[in-house]
């Protein structure tokens, strides 16, 4: 009887779909054959797309690793989950220091949040996460004295961490310190007096054995795990964290040999900032750094990057093949995506760290032939915080109360387009030329229908019509005809966005009037917004260009005020047009809502 019961349970368990979630690091949307790039060599991703649905408008919730990964793992945007830094500021001996992930629990996402892995674990799934995670909040036991029990994020098996502090379970613990230094171009393996992250000389990795490169080691760990699940048929959620095509753009020689750098065309804007000036709304240092008029170096870097993408593709192929060999392919949902994009010299930028499409719009492929159509594309707006509710809908599970995203499973099934969805992305960074002393200048993107708005604190707005202007060359915030629309979108970006150090303007009802204090950064006027309910997306401008700090109370409902910043400083890029506030302020140019009965 016991044997029959066990057999029945195993049969039921085997019917549950498995999940293989493969996430790379810094994969540019366009750098894949299935996304239309004829120079990309990605046969396995292309095949995965043929067996599934390819999304064209999937957005990350932060254009940097740690924040983005914490977002999809918690199902929450950074300002909500609390993991708002790439490296978190902490006080040590009276001085501020910056810590990476894995050192302190208090620098991570808020306690009590249900993670994506915990959702699966709570429903009887085995969970594993070989490779890169880089989530502030993940913690080994007995690392943080205040949190000795640690935090496994919901994973039963953890291995091969990379940017995360993880003694004994780090990549360097598996391959040795020498190979780790070779891989990262550290110590004796620096080139030209420093790390050549862009691989402008088109050289192979310093790692002696190809299979000791990080992604190969991670993939083998994933294959070993699939072999176990092939034997026991237990349902599983496998998170595979690949590191490429993140810099350094070095890989095995066999991948470099597939490309000729001269085949690649450079963006027209690849070094124009030398003559036109840098963009004020991006960190100063992400402008490429290559010498002026150095097309050979730039092409070498691009070819190196594409070789790293092919390495990632090869690893995807190994994992998919292992699913087939273990008889798991037909009952496994396979997803491929990445944590943010890469500019590859568009607008003269390298890396990510801003809200351009190259940074925030990423590849996303999902294959599950049992339930989803094959070889289809979808242009609906989605973001990575939608993963948790999407999985919950697939499995008919209750969505955790902390999840802020929306399921897109129905869209995948039906092929319907949903462009009226609003998605958000945010970031904090230093090194802005406008405010050089500020280490965590905040920015936030709002994307809906064909428009994208970007707020960067103290710096003029950006507003683009993405489908008509995919390269984001025309900032509509400079056009008077879009002034009112820009004000509305600025409000929507700021209305509910609250995080440490920054605070809203005061707003209250006094003597029958709505009153607010002046914006400390300087304002030309103020705008009043109204909605019948508390949802800022439903609000409309009811009074504009207010020159005072008060208005008469009108009909019942919710009211907010935004400041119209008084830009007074100029930059080379925009000539005499003022684009910067005179001084930095920790006050946001928005109030909290006031309810009037």
Protein backbone atom coordinates (compact mmCIF):
# COMPACT_ATOMS: atom_id res chain seq x y z
CA UNK A 1 0.00 0.00 0.00
CA UNK A 2 2.83 2.38 0.89
CA UNK A 3 4.57 1.59 -2.41
CA UNK A 4 1.35 2.29 -4.36
CA UNK A 5 0.88 5.63 -2.55
CA UNK A 6 4.47 6.61 -3.23
CA UNK A 7 4.07 5.70 -6.90
CA UNK A 8 0.89 7.79 -7.14
CA UNK A 9 2.54 10.80 -5.54
CA UNK A 10 5.52 10.50 -7.86
CA UNK A 11 3.16 10.31 -10.85
CA UNK A 12 1.33 13.46 -9.76
CA UNK A 13 4.61 15.24 -9.06
CA UNK A 14 5.97 14.38 -12.50
CA UNK A 15 2.98 16.10 -14.12
CA UNK A 16 3.86 19.45 -12.64
CA UNK A 17 5.77 21.59 -15.15
CA UNK A 18 9.37 22.26 -14.26
CA UNK A 19 11.01 25.65 -14.69
CA UNK A 20 14.45 26.36 -16.11
CA UNK A 21 15.07 30.08 -15.81
CA UNK A 22 18.29 31.14 -17.55
CA UNK A 23 19.40 34.71 -16.96
CA UNK A 24 22.54 36.18 -18.46
CA UNK A 25 24.14 39.51 -17.64
CA UNK A 26 24.08 42.56 -19.93
CA UNK A 27 22.66 41.05 -23.13
CA UNK A 28 21.70 43.71 -25.66
CA UNK A 29 18.24 43.11 -27.12
CA UNK A 30 19.39 43.39 -30.73
CA UNK A 31 22.39 41.06 -30.33
CA UNK A 32 20.62 37.82 -31.21
CA UNK A 33 19.61 36.25 -34.48
CA UNK A 34 16.02 35.78 -33.37
CA UNK A 35 15.85 39.52 -32.70
CA UNK A 36 16.91 40.28 -36.26
CA UNK A 37 20.69 40.66 -36.06
CA UNK A 38 22.33 38.95 -39.08
CA UNK A 39 25.79 39.06 -37.49
CA UNK A 40 24.79 37.41 -34.21
CA UNK A 41 25.54 33.69 -33.95
CA UNK A 42 22.85 32.40 -31.58
CA UNK A 43 21.42 29.16 -33.02
CA UNK A 44 20.20 27.83 -29.67
CA UNK A 45 18.38 31.01 -28.68
CA UNK A 46 16.94 31.14 -32.18
CA UNK A 47 15.67 27.57 -31.80
CA UNK A 48 14.24 28.35 -28.37
CA UNK A 49 12.35 31.28 -29.89
CA UNK A 50 10.97 28.97 -32.61
CA UNK A 51 9.60 26.72 -29.86
CA UNK A 52 8.08 29.59 -27.93
CA UNK A 53 7.17 33.25 -27.63
CA UNK A 54 9.63 36.10 -28.06
CA UNK A 55 8.81 39.38 -26.30
CA UNK A 56 9.98 42.61 -27.91
CA UNK A 57 9.11 45.02 -25.11
CA UNK A 58 10.29 43.41 -21.90
CA UNK A 59 11.79 45.93 -19.48
CA UNK A 60 14.05 45.53 -16.50
CA UNK A 61 13.20 47.46 -13.34
CA UNK A 62 16.72 48.83 -12.91
CA UNK A 63 19.55 49.22 -15.46
CA UNK A 64 22.11 47.58 -13.19
CA UNK A 65 22.63 44.03 -11.91
CA UNK A 66 21.89 44.01 -8.17
CA UNK A 67 18.75 46.18 -8.24
CA UNK A 68 17.34 44.42 -11.29
CA UNK A 69 17.85 40.95 -9.84
CA UNK A 70 16.35 41.86 -6.47
CA UNK A 71 13.30 43.15 -8.35
CA UNK A 72 12.43 39.97 -10.20
CA UNK A 73 13.31 37.81 -7.19
CA UNK A 74 10.93 39.76 -4.93
CA UNK A 75 8.34 40.65 -7.58
CA UNK A 76 8.69 44.28 -6.51
CA UNK A 77 10.25 47.46 -7.81
CA UNK A 78 13.43 48.56 -6.01
CA UNK A 79 11.94 51.47 -4.07
CA UNK A 80 9.30 49.08 -2.70
CA UNK A 81 11.50 46.11 -1.83
CA UNK A 82 14.23 48.30 -0.33
CA UNK A 83 17.17 46.92 -2.34
CA UNK A 84 17.89 50.22 -4.03
CA UNK A 85 21.68 50.11 -4.33
CA UNK A 86 24.21 48.29 -6.46
CA UNK A 87 26.64 48.65 -3.59
CA UNK A 88 24.94 49.57 -0.34
CA UNK A 89 26.19 52.45 1.85
CA UNK A 90 26.94 51.55 5.47
CA UNK A 91 28.72 53.33 8.30
CA UNK A 92 31.99 51.84 9.47
CA UNK A 93 34.23 53.58 12.00
CA UNK A 94 32.37 56.82 11.37
CA UNK A 95 32.86 56.68 7.60
CA UNK A 96 30.63 55.57 4.78
CA UNK A 97 31.74 52.44 2.93
CA UNK A 98 30.04 50.60 0.09
CA UNK A 99 29.32 46.90 0.43
CA UNK A 100 28.44 44.38 -2.21
CA UNK A 101 25.84 41.66 -1.75
CA UNK A 102 26.26 38.91 0.83
CA UNK A 103 27.78 40.81 3.76
CA UNK A 104 24.83 42.24 5.72
CA UNK A 105 21.14 41.36 5.78
CA UNK A 106 20.09 44.92 6.62
CA UNK A 107 21.43 46.25 3.31
CA UNK A 108 19.15 43.91 1.35
CA UNK A 109 15.48 43.71 0.48
CA UNK A 110 13.03 44.11 3.36
CA UNK A 111 12.48 41.14 5.66
CA UNK A 112 9.22 39.25 5.28
CA UNK A 113 9.05 39.47 1.49
CA UNK A 114 8.21 36.23 -0.31
CA UNK A 115 10.72 35.55 -3.06
CA UNK A 116 10.18 33.83 -6.39
CA UNK A 117 12.07 30.74 -5.21
CA UNK A 118 10.04 30.60 -2.01
CA UNK A 119 6.84 30.52 -4.05
CA UNK A 120 8.04 27.33 -5.72
CA UNK A 121 9.44 25.85 -2.51
CA UNK A 122 6.13 26.51 -0.72
CA UNK A 123 4.36 24.44 -3.39
CA UNK A 124 6.61 21.41 -3.09
CA UNK A 125 9.20 22.20 -5.75
CA UNK A 126 12.91 21.59 -5.39
CA UNK A 127 14.83 24.80 -5.99
CA UNK A 128 18.40 25.44 -7.06
CA UNK A 129 20.44 28.45 -8.17
CA UNK A 130 23.89 27.77 -9.58
CA UNK A 131 25.73 30.84 -10.82
CA UNK A 132 25.29 34.56 -10.47
CA UNK A 133 22.56 35.90 -8.20
CA UNK A 134 23.87 39.22 -6.82
CA UNK A 135 20.82 40.04 -4.69
CA UNK A 136 21.30 42.20 -1.61
CA UNK A 137 19.60 40.13 1.06
CA UNK A 138 20.97 36.71 0.20
CA UNK A 139 23.23 35.68 3.07
CA UNK A 140 25.09 32.62 4.27
CA UNK A 141 24.68 31.42 7.83
CA UNK A 142 26.93 33.03 10.45
CA UNK A 143 28.13 35.82 8.18
CA UNK A 144 26.09 38.67 9.67
CA UNK A 145 26.12 38.54 13.50
CA UNK A 146 22.72 40.24 13.56
CA UNK A 147 21.25 37.58 11.27
CA UNK A 148 23.12 34.32 12.05
CA UNK A 149 20.51 32.07 10.41
CA UNK A 150 21.26 33.65 7.03
CA UNK A 151 18.86 33.88 4.08
CA UNK A 152 18.83 31.37 1.21
CA UNK A 153 16.27 33.32 -0.89
CA UNK A 154 14.21 30.13 -1.05
CA UNK A 155 16.81 27.97 -2.79
CA UNK A 156 17.61 24.47 -1.52
CA UNK A 157 20.89 24.43 -3.42
CA UNK A 158 23.18 27.43 -3.93
CA UNK A 159 26.54 27.33 -5.67
CA UNK A 160 29.05 29.30 -7.72
CA UNK A 161 28.26 32.80 -6.54
CA UNK A 162 30.31 35.51 -8.23
CA UNK A 163 29.72 39.12 -7.19
CA UNK A 164 28.14 37.98 -3.94
CA UNK A 165 30.21 37.33 -0.82
CA UNK A 166 29.88 33.57 -0.40
CA UNK A 167 32.89 31.86 1.24
CA UNK A 168 33.14 28.23 0.20
CA UNK A 169 30.44 28.55 -2.45
CA UNK A 170 32.10 31.14 -4.67
CA UNK A 171 33.41 30.63 -8.21
CA UNK A 172 36.95 31.18 -6.90
CA UNK A 173 36.48 28.35 -4.40
CA UNK A 174 35.78 25.94 -7.25
CA UNK A 175 38.40 26.93 -9.84
CA UNK A 176 41.02 28.47 -7.56
CA UNK A 177 42.14 32.04 -7.01
CA UNK A 178 44.55 32.04 -9.96
CA UNK A 179 41.87 31.07 -12.48
CA UNK A 180 39.47 33.57 -10.90
CA UNK A 181 42.05 36.34 -11.37
CA UNK A 182 42.70 35.23 -14.93
CA UNK A 183 38.97 35.33 -15.66
CA UNK A 184 38.52 38.83 -14.28
CA UNK A 185 41.86 40.17 -15.58
CA UNK A 186 43.01 40.90 -12.05
CA UNK A 187 46.53 41.23 -10.59
CA UNK A 188 49.10 39.86 -13.04
CA UNK A 189 46.55 39.53 -15.83
CA UNK A 190 45.83 43.21 -16.29
CA UNK A 191 46.54 44.48 -19.79
CA UNK A 192 47.91 47.87 -20.80
CA UNK A 193 48.30 48.89 -17.18
CA UNK A 194 44.63 48.28 -16.40
CA UNK A 195 41.74 45.94 -17.03
CA UNK A 196 40.76 46.09 -20.71
CA UNK A 197 37.08 45.42 -20.04
CA UNK A 198 36.10 46.18 -23.61
CA UNK A 199 38.73 43.83 -25.05
CA UNK A 200 39.77 46.40 -27.61
CA UNK A 201 42.72 44.22 -28.65
CA UNK A 202 40.47 41.23 -29.41
CA UNK A 203 42.28 38.78 -27.17
CA UNK A 204 41.07 35.48 -25.72
CA UNK A 205 40.48 34.93 -22.04
CA UNK A 206 43.48 34.35 -19.79
CA UNK A 207 41.79 31.26 -18.37
CA UNK A 208 43.91 28.26 -19.41
CA UNK A 209 41.19 25.61 -19.58
CA UNK A 210 38.13 26.73 -21.52
CA UNK A 211 35.79 24.71 -19.32
CA UNK A 212 36.97 26.65 -16.27
CA UNK A 213 35.46 29.89 -17.56
CA UNK A 214 32.62 30.92 -15.29
CA UNK A 215 29.66 30.23 -17.55
CA UNK A 216 30.98 26.79 -18.46
CA UNK A 217 31.35 25.85 -14.78
CA UNK A 218 27.86 27.15 -13.99
CA UNK A 219 26.34 25.31 -16.94
CA UNK A 220 27.95 22.04 -15.92
CA UNK A 221 26.49 22.49 -12.44
CA UNK A 222 23.07 23.04 -14.01
CA UNK A 223 23.47 19.92 -16.17
CA UNK A 224 24.45 17.87 -13.11
CA UNK A 225 21.29 19.08 -11.40
CA UNK A 226 19.13 18.15 -14.41
CA UNK A 227 20.68 14.69 -14.42
CA UNK A 228 19.45 14.24 -10.82
CA UNK A 229 15.97 15.44 -11.68
CA UNK A 230 15.93 13.20 -14.74
CA UNK A 231 16.48 10.27 -12.42
CA UNK A 232 13.98 11.14 -9.69
CA UNK A 233 11.44 13.14 -11.76
CA UNK A 234 10.78 15.52 -8.88
CA UNK A 235 9.42 18.95 -9.89
CA UNK A 236 12.00 21.73 -9.81
CA UNK A 237 12.70 25.41 -10.30
CA UNK A 238 16.23 25.85 -11.63
CA UNK A 239 17.67 29.38 -11.77
CA UNK A 240 20.82 29.47 -13.91
CA UNK A 241 22.87 32.67 -13.52
CA UNK A 242 25.26 33.15 -16.45
CA UNK A 243 27.73 36.05 -16.35
CA UNK A 244 28.47 36.91 -19.97
CA UNK A 245 28.27 39.02 -22.04
CA UNK A 246 29.12 41.27 -19.08
CA UNK A 247 32.64 42.79 -19.23
CA UNK A 248 35.38 41.90 -19.55
CA UNK A 249 34.44 41.01 -23.13
CA UNK A 250 36.83 38.06 -23.14
CA UNK A 251 35.96 34.49 -24.02
CA UNK A 252 37.51 31.36 -25.45
CA UNK A 253 39.40 31.73 -28.72
CA UNK A 254 36.96 29.46 -30.53
CA UNK A 255 34.21 32.01 -30.10
CA UNK A 256 36.38 34.93 -31.18
CA UNK A 257 37.34 32.98 -34.32
CA UNK A 258 33.71 33.05 -35.45
CA UNK A 259 33.75 36.83 -35.98
CA UNK A 260 35.63 39.41 -37.99
CA UNK A 261 35.59 42.80 -36.24
CA UNK A 262 35.60 44.56 -39.62
CA UNK A 263 32.17 43.12 -40.38
CA UNK A 264 30.57 45.31 -37.72
CA UNK A 265 29.30 48.82 -38.36
CA UNK A 266 29.72 51.47 -35.71
CA UNK A 267 26.80 53.60 -34.57
CA UNK A 268 27.05 57.06 -36.10
CA UNK A 269 27.07 58.42 -32.57
CA UNK A 270 29.84 56.18 -31.22
CA UNK A 271 32.21 59.02 -30.31
CA UNK A 272 30.26 62.17 -31.13
CA UNK A 273 30.31 63.30 -27.51
CA UNK A 274 33.89 64.43 -28.11
CA UNK A 275 32.60 67.22 -30.34
CA UNK A 276 29.01 67.67 -29.14
CA UNK A 277 29.57 67.18 -25.43
CA UNK A 278 28.37 64.59 -22.94
CA UNK A 279 24.75 64.01 -21.97
CA UNK A 280 23.93 65.55 -18.58
CA UNK A 281 21.31 62.94 -17.64
CA UNK A 282 23.73 60.00 -17.61
CA UNK A 283 26.71 59.31 -15.34
CA UNK A 284 29.71 61.05 -16.81
CA UNK A 285 31.88 57.93 -16.93
CA UNK A 286 29.63 55.76 -19.10
CA UNK A 287 30.63 57.76 -22.19
CA UNK A 288 32.80 55.17 -23.88
CA UNK A 289 36.25 56.24 -22.76
CA UNK A 290 37.80 55.12 -26.04
CA UNK A 291 40.22 57.56 -27.67
CA UNK A 292 38.65 59.85 -30.23
CA UNK A 293 38.50 58.43 -33.76
CA UNK A 294 39.44 54.87 -32.79
CA UNK A 295 37.08 52.75 -34.92
CA UNK A 296 39.33 49.67 -34.84
CA UNK A 297 39.22 49.51 -31.05
CA UNK A 298 35.45 50.04 -31.05
CA UNK A 299 34.88 47.29 -33.64
CA UNK A 300 37.12 44.93 -31.70
CA UNK A 301 35.02 45.59 -28.60
CA UNK A 302 31.76 44.95 -30.46
CA UNK A 303 33.05 41.71 -32.00
CA UNK A 304 34.32 40.62 -28.58
CA UNK A 305 30.89 41.26 -27.12
CA UNK A 306 29.18 39.22 -29.84
CA UNK A 307 31.62 36.37 -29.19
CA UNK A 308 30.57 36.46 -25.52
CA UNK A 309 26.93 36.32 -26.60
CA UNK A 310 27.71 33.22 -28.65
CA UNK A 311 29.30 31.67 -25.56
CA UNK A 312 26.06 32.31 -23.66
CA UNK A 313 24.09 30.80 -26.53
CA UNK A 314 26.29 27.72 -26.40
CA UNK A 315 25.51 27.32 -22.70
CA UNK A 316 21.78 27.62 -23.37
CA UNK A 317 22.17 24.86 -25.93
CA UNK A 318 23.88 22.58 -23.41
CA UNK A 319 21.09 23.08 -20.88
CA UNK A 320 18.30 22.49 -23.42
CA UNK A 321 20.08 19.37 -24.68
CA UNK A 322 20.37 18.07 -21.10
CA UNK A 323 16.60 18.48 -20.70
CA UNK A 324 16.09 16.32 -23.79
CA UNK A 325 18.57 13.68 -22.65
CA UNK A 326 16.84 13.41 -19.29
CA UNK A 327 13.34 13.19 -20.72
CA UNK A 328 12.39 16.53 -19.16
CA UNK A 329 12.00 18.67 -22.27
CA UNK A 330 8.26 18.28 -22.88
CA UNK A 331 7.28 19.12 -19.30
CA UNK A 332 9.63 22.03 -18.66
CA UNK A 333 9.07 25.73 -19.15
CA UNK A 334 12.32 27.27 -20.40
CA UNK A 335 12.90 31.01 -20.11
CA UNK A 336 15.85 33.04 -21.30
CA UNK A 337 16.35 36.69 -20.38
CA UNK A 338 18.96 39.04 -18.97
CA UNK A 339 19.25 41.57 -16.12
CA UNK A 340 19.86 44.67 -18.30
CA UNK A 341 21.24 45.65 -21.68
CA UNK A 342 24.39 47.15 -23.18
CA UNK A 343 24.89 50.24 -25.35
CA UNK A 344 27.88 49.13 -27.42
CA UNK A 345 28.65 52.79 -28.21
CA UNK A 346 25.12 53.94 -29.07
CA UNK A 347 25.05 57.64 -28.14
CA UNK A 348 28.75 57.23 -27.34
CA UNK A 349 27.92 55.11 -24.28
CA UNK A 350 29.38 51.88 -23.00
CA UNK A 351 27.58 49.63 -20.52
CA UNK A 352 24.18 50.42 -19.05
CA UNK A 353 23.45 52.80 -16.12
CA UNK A 354 20.74 54.89 -17.78
CA UNK A 355 17.22 54.58 -19.18
CA UNK A 356 17.96 54.33 -22.90
CA UNK A 357 16.32 51.42 -24.69
CA UNK A 358 19.72 49.76 -25.06
CA UNK A 359 19.94 49.60 -21.25
CA UNK A 360 16.42 48.69 -20.21
CA UNK A 361 14.64 46.82 -23.03
CA UNK A 362 15.91 43.25 -22.94
CA UNK A 363 15.44 39.91 -24.68
CA UNK A 364 12.87 37.57 -23.19
CA UNK A 365 12.03 34.17 -24.65
CA UNK A 366 9.67 31.63 -23.08
CA UNK A 367 9.15 28.14 -24.44
CA UNK A 368 6.42 25.76 -23.26
CA UNK A 369 4.94 24.05 -26.32
CA UNK A 370 2.33 22.22 -24.22
CA UNK A 371 0.49 25.45 -23.44
CA UNK A 372 2.02 28.31 -25.43
CA UNK A 373 2.13 29.02 -29.15
CA UNK A 374 5.40 28.46 -30.97
CA UNK A 375 7.47 30.76 -33.18
CA UNK A 376 5.50 33.88 -32.25
CA UNK A 377 6.40 37.38 -31.15
CA UNK A 378 4.56 39.77 -28.88
CA UNK A 379 4.96 43.54 -28.54
CA UNK A 380 3.11 43.92 -25.24
CA UNK A 381 4.76 45.97 -22.51
CA UNK A 382 5.92 43.78 -19.63
CA UNK A 383 8.66 43.94 -17.01
CA UNK A 384 10.61 41.45 -14.92
CA UNK A 385 8.54 42.14 -11.78
CA UNK A 386 5.73 40.45 -13.70
CA UNK A 387 7.44 37.06 -13.44
CA UNK A 388 6.07 36.17 -10.00
CA UNK A 389 2.38 36.79 -10.82
CA UNK A 390 2.85 35.14 -14.23
CA UNK A 391 4.18 31.93 -12.68
CA UNK A 392 1.39 32.00 -10.11
CA UNK A 393 -1.22 32.21 -12.87
CA UNK A 394 0.41 29.37 -14.81
CA UNK A 395 0.22 27.11 -11.75
CA UNK A 396 -3.04 28.53 -10.37
CA UNK A 397 -1.32 29.60 -7.15
CA UNK A 398 -2.18 32.56 -4.96
CA UNK A 399 -0.03 35.58 -5.78
CA UNK A 400 2.03 36.77 -2.78
CA UNK A 401 0.73 40.05 -1.37
CA UNK A 402 4.12 41.72 -1.92
CA UNK A 403 4.04 41.25 -5.71
CA UNK A 404 3.56 44.55 -7.57
CA UNK A 405 3.65 43.23 -11.13
CA UNK A 406 0.95 41.83 -13.41
CA UNK A 407 0.72 38.40 -14.96
CA UNK A 408 1.29 38.29 -18.70
CA UNK A 409 0.45 34.59 -19.12
CA UNK A 410 -2.85 35.34 -20.84
CA UNK A 411 -1.04 37.59 -23.31
CA UNK A 412 1.41 34.79 -24.09
CA UNK A 413 -1.40 32.30 -24.66
CA UNK A 414 -3.63 34.49 -26.79
CA UNK A 415 -1.08 36.59 -28.61
CA UNK A 416 -3.00 39.72 -27.64
CA UNK A 417 -1.13 43.02 -27.48
CA UNK A 418 -1.20 45.10 -24.32
CA UNK A 419 0.47 48.45 -24.84
CA UNK A 420 -1.46 50.51 -22.26
CA UNK A 421 0.38 48.83 -19.39
CA UNK A 422 2.66 51.16 -17.42
CA UNK A 423 6.12 49.83 -16.57
CA UNK A 424 8.78 51.47 -14.44
CA UNK A 425 12.53 51.43 -14.10
CA UNK A 426 14.71 53.25 -11.55
CA UNK A 427 18.34 53.81 -10.69
CA UNK A 428 20.73 55.57 -8.33
CA UNK A 429 24.23 56.55 -9.33
CA UNK A 430 27.03 59.02 -8.79
CA UNK A 431 29.48 60.66 -11.17
CA UNK A 432 26.99 63.03 -12.77
CA UNK A 433 28.87 66.06 -13.99
CA UNK A 434 25.89 68.19 -12.99
CA UNK A 435 26.17 67.25 -9.30
CA UNK A 436 29.60 65.69 -8.78
CA UNK A 437 29.30 65.34 -5.00
CA UNK A 438 26.10 63.27 -5.08
CA UNK A 439 26.71 59.52 -4.88
CA UNK A 440 23.15 58.29 -5.39
CA UNK A 441 21.37 60.69 -7.72
CA UNK A 442 17.97 59.09 -8.45
CA UNK A 443 16.28 58.61 -11.81
CA UNK A 444 13.05 56.90 -12.86
CA UNK A 445 11.54 55.85 -16.17
CA UNK A 446 7.85 55.50 -17.05
CA UNK A 447 6.98 53.58 -20.24
CA UNK A 448 3.41 53.29 -21.63
CA UNK A 449 1.97 52.92 -25.13
CA UNK A 450 4.44 54.62 -27.49
CA UNK A 451 5.92 57.04 -24.97
CA UNK A 452 8.77 56.95 -22.50
CA UNK A 453 9.40 59.57 -19.84
CA UNK A 454 12.62 59.79 -17.80
CA UNK A 455 13.08 61.82 -14.63
CA UNK A 456 16.64 62.51 -13.45
CA UNK A 457 16.78 64.52 -10.26
CA UNK A 458 17.91 68.10 -10.90
CA UNK A 459 18.29 67.55 -14.65
CA UNK A 460 15.86 68.33 -17.46
CA UNK A 461 13.23 65.75 -18.42
CA UNK A 462 13.49 63.28 -21.27
CA UNK A 463 10.42 62.32 -23.29
CA UNK A 464 10.54 60.04 -26.34
CA UNK A 465 8.10 58.52 -28.78
CA UNK A 466 9.84 55.16 -28.89
CA UNK A 467 8.33 53.47 -31.92
CA UNK A 468 8.77 56.52 -34.14
CA UNK A 469 12.15 57.35 -32.63
CA UNK A 470 13.70 53.99 -31.57
CA UNK A 471 17.17 55.50 -31.23
CA UNK A 472 15.84 58.21 -28.90
CA UNK A 473 17.39 61.07 -30.83
CA UNK A 474 14.58 63.62 -30.38
CA UNK A 475 13.86 64.66 -26.80
CA UNK A 476 10.26 65.88 -26.97
CA UNK A 477 10.66 67.58 -23.58
CA UNK A 478 12.37 70.34 -25.53
CA UNK A 479 9.25 70.90 -27.63
CA UNK A 480 6.63 73.40 -26.31
CA UNK A 481 3.75 71.37 -27.77
CA UNK A 482 4.55 68.51 -25.37
CA UNK A 483 4.94 70.70 -22.26
CA UNK A 484 1.66 69.72 -20.61
CA UNK A 485 2.13 66.03 -21.43
CA UNK A 486 5.64 66.09 -19.95
CA UNK A 487 4.26 67.63 -16.74
CA UNK A 488 1.66 64.87 -16.49
CA UNK A 489 4.24 62.11 -16.97
CA UNK A 490 6.67 63.76 -14.55
CA UNK A 491 3.92 63.64 -11.94
CA UNK A 492 3.26 59.96 -12.67
CA UNK A 493 6.95 59.19 -12.26
CA UNK A 494 7.15 60.99 -8.91
CA UNK A 495 3.72 60.54 -7.30
CA UNK A 496 4.35 57.28 -5.40
CA UNK A 497 8.17 57.14 -5.55
CA UNK A 498 9.63 57.38 -2.03
CA UNK A 499 13.00 56.16 -0.77
CA UNK A 500 15.64 57.03 1.88
CA UNK A 501 17.14 60.54 2.04
CA UNK A 502 14.74 62.13 -0.47
CA UNK A 503 11.44 63.64 0.65
CA UNK A 504 8.39 65.33 -0.94
CA UNK A 505 7.22 68.91 -0.60
CA UNK A 506 4.82 69.54 2.29
CA UNK A 507 1.15 69.80 1.33
CA UNK A 508 -1.87 70.42 3.52
CA UNK A 509 -5.32 71.98 3.82
CA UNK A 510 -5.15 75.29 5.73
CA UNK A 511 -8.00 77.79 6.18
CA UNK A 512 -9.98 76.41 3.28
CA UNK A 513 -6.98 76.44 0.95
CA UNK A 514 -4.51 73.84 -0.29
CA UNK A 515 -1.02 75.05 0.60
CA UNK A 516 2.47 73.69 -0.06
CA UNK A 517 6.02 74.79 0.61
CA UNK A 518 8.30 75.96 -2.17
CA UNK A 519 10.50 73.46 -4.01
CA UNK A 520 13.98 73.85 -2.56
CA UNK A 521 15.70 73.21 -5.88
CA UNK A 522 13.94 76.19 -7.46
CA UNK A 523 10.69 76.31 -9.44
CA UNK A 524 9.23 78.53 -12.14
CA UNK A 525 5.65 77.57 -11.19
CA UNK A 526 3.52 74.71 -9.86
CA UNK A 527 0.93 72.30 -11.29
CA UNK A 528 -2.15 70.90 -9.51
CA UNK A 529 -3.25 67.31 -10.25
CA UNK A 530 -6.60 65.76 -9.37
CA UNK A 531 -8.15 62.29 -9.33
CA UNK A 532 -11.38 60.85 -7.95
CA UNK A 533 -9.35 57.95 -6.51
CA UNK A 534 -5.82 57.62 -5.12
CA UNK A 535 -4.32 56.15 -8.31
CA UNK A 536 -1.90 58.73 -9.82
CA UNK A 537 -2.35 57.17 -13.27
CA UNK A 538 -5.97 58.39 -13.21
CA UNK A 539 -5.04 61.97 -12.32
CA UNK A 540 -5.41 64.94 -14.63
CA UNK A 541 -3.97 68.44 -14.53
CA UNK A 542 -6.65 70.80 -13.24
CA UNK A 543 -4.57 73.95 -12.82
CA UNK A 544 -1.22 74.78 -14.36
CA UNK A 545 1.46 77.47 -14.14
CA UNK A 546 0.50 78.40 -10.57
CA UNK A 547 2.67 81.27 -9.41
CA UNK A 548 1.75 81.05 -5.73
CA UNK A 549 1.96 78.33 -3.07
CA UNK A 550 -1.77 77.88 -2.57
CA UNK A 551 -5.03 77.25 -4.46
CA UNK A 552 -8.72 77.26 -3.64
CA UNK A 553 -10.20 73.90 -2.71
CA UNK A 554 -12.26 72.44 -5.52
CA UNK A 555 -14.33 69.25 -5.83
CA UNK A 556 -13.86 66.22 -3.53
CA UNK A 557 -11.05 63.85 -4.40
CA UNK A 558 -7.28 63.47 -4.29
CA UNK A 559 -4.92 66.34 -5.03
CA UNK A 560 -1.18 66.53 -5.64
CA UNK A 561 1.14 69.38 -6.59
CA UNK A 562 4.29 69.17 -8.68
CA UNK A 563 6.94 71.86 -9.10
CA UNK A 564 8.09 72.90 -12.54
CA UNK A 565 11.86 73.05 -11.95
CA UNK A 566 13.73 76.24 -12.76
CA UNK A 567 16.69 75.09 -14.83
CA UNK A 568 19.40 77.74 -14.95
CA UNK A 569 22.67 76.02 -15.87
CA UNK A 570 23.81 74.96 -19.33
CA UNK A 571 26.07 72.23 -20.73
CA UNK A 572 28.04 72.01 -23.96
CA UNK A 573 25.67 69.44 -25.44
CA UNK A 574 22.68 71.81 -25.52
CA UNK A 575 24.30 75.19 -25.93
CA UNK A 576 22.35 78.07 -24.38
CA UNK A 577 19.36 75.95 -23.34
CA UNK A 578 19.27 75.65 -19.52
CA UNK A 579 19.08 71.99 -18.49
CA UNK A 580 20.32 71.84 -14.86
CA UNK A 581 19.09 73.15 -11.53
CA UNK A 582 21.39 75.60 -9.85
CA UNK A 583 21.85 73.39 -6.80
CA UNK A 584 21.10 69.89 -5.63
CA UNK A 585 18.28 69.35 -3.14
CA UNK A 586 17.07 66.19 -1.43
CA UNK A 587 13.50 67.36 -1.90
CA UNK A 588 11.48 65.82 -4.71
CA UNK A 589 9.38 68.26 -6.78
CA UNK A 590 6.10 66.60 -5.77
CA UNK A 591 3.77 66.44 -2.78
CA UNK A 592 2.02 63.49 -1.21
CA UNK A 593 -1.69 63.24 -1.95
CA UNK A 594 -4.24 65.24 0.04
CA UNK A 595 -7.80 63.91 0.26
CA UNK A 596 -10.54 66.55 0.20
CA UNK A 597 -14.08 65.59 1.13
